[in-house]
Protein backbone atom coordinates (compact mmCIF):
# COMPACT_ATOMS: atom_id res chain seq x y z
CA MET A 1 74.27 137.62 136.65
CA THR A 2 71.93 135.57 134.59
CA THR A 3 71.77 131.82 134.66
CA ASP A 4 73.20 131.58 131.15
CA ALA A 5 76.29 133.56 132.15
CA ILE A 6 76.88 131.38 135.21
CA ILE A 7 76.57 128.19 133.16
CA THR A 8 78.94 129.61 130.53
CA LEU A 9 81.52 130.52 133.17
CA ALA A 10 81.21 127.09 134.81
CA LEU A 11 81.68 125.30 131.50
CA ALA A 12 84.62 127.51 130.58
CA THR A 13 86.18 126.78 133.96
CA LEU A 14 85.73 123.03 133.46
CA ILE A 15 87.23 123.16 129.97
CA ILE A 16 90.21 125.20 131.16
CA ALA A 17 90.72 122.87 134.14
CA ALA A 18 90.64 119.82 131.85
CA ALA A 19 93.17 121.42 129.50
CA ALA A 20 95.42 122.32 132.45
CA LEU A 21 95.22 118.77 133.78
CA GLY A 22 96.15 117.42 130.36
CA LEU A 23 99.13 119.76 130.14
CA ILE A 24 100.30 118.76 133.61
CA ARG A 25 100.16 115.10 132.59
CA VAL A 26 102.20 115.91 129.47
CA ILE A 27 104.80 117.63 131.66
CA PHE A 28 105.14 114.53 133.85
CA HIS A 29 105.46 112.29 130.78
CA LEU A 30 108.17 114.53 129.37
CA ILE A 31 110.06 114.40 132.67
CA ALA A 32 109.92 110.59 132.55
CA VAL A 33 111.16 110.61 128.95
CA LYS A 34 114.01 112.93 129.92
CA LYS A 35 115.15 110.50 132.64
CA THR A 36 114.95 107.57 130.22
CA LEU A 37 116.95 109.43 127.59
CA ALA A 38 119.61 110.28 130.16
CA SER A 39 119.95 106.56 130.93
CA VAL A 40 120.13 105.69 127.24
CA ILE A 41 122.78 108.34 126.61
CA GLY A 42 124.81 107.00 129.53
CA GLY A 43 124.55 103.48 128.12
CA VAL A 44 125.62 104.62 124.67
CA GLN A 45 128.66 106.38 126.14
CA VAL A 46 129.68 103.19 127.95
CA ILE A 47 129.32 101.19 124.74
CA ALA A 48 131.38 103.78 122.86
CA GLU A 49 134.15 103.52 125.46
CA LYS A 50 134.15 99.72 125.42
CA THR A 51 134.24 99.55 121.62
CA SER A 52 137.00 102.08 121.12
CA THR A 53 138.94 102.04 117.89
CA VAL A 54 141.63 99.43 117.28
CA PRO A 55 144.69 101.73 116.99
CA ILE A 56 144.36 102.76 120.66
CA VAL A 57 144.40 99.12 121.79
CA LEU A 58 146.72 97.87 119.05
CA THR A 59 149.93 99.31 120.54
CA SER A 60 149.42 97.53 123.85
CA VAL A 61 148.63 94.27 122.06
CA ASN A 62 151.77 94.60 119.93
CA GLU A 63 153.85 95.22 123.06
CA SER A 64 152.40 92.11 124.69
CA LEU A 65 153.23 90.02 121.62
CA ARG A 66 156.80 91.34 121.22
CA PRO A 67 158.43 88.29 122.92
CA VAL A 68 156.51 85.96 120.59
CA ARG A 69 157.60 87.91 117.52
CA GLU A 70 161.25 87.95 118.67
CA PHE A 71 161.13 84.20 119.30
CA CYS A 72 159.67 83.58 115.84
CA ASP A 73 162.33 85.78 114.25
CA ALA A 74 165.02 83.78 116.04
CA VAL A 75 163.70 80.48 114.69
C-alpha cells in the first residue's frame, strides 16, 4: 500500500472514531434527559392528584358541614 492510502485510511478512521464518540455522548445525554422527564412526569401526576376537581371533594365537605347547616336552619 502506498503512503497516501495509509494516511487516507488513518484519517478516515479518526473521523469515524470522532463521529462515533460524539454519537455515544449524545446517547448518554438522551438517557439523562429520559430520567429527568420521568421525574417531571411523576411530579406532574402528583400535582394533578392534589389539585383534583372540586366536585370530587365537594360531597365530603358538604357532609362535614351538614350539622352547621341544620343548626342554621333551626335558628
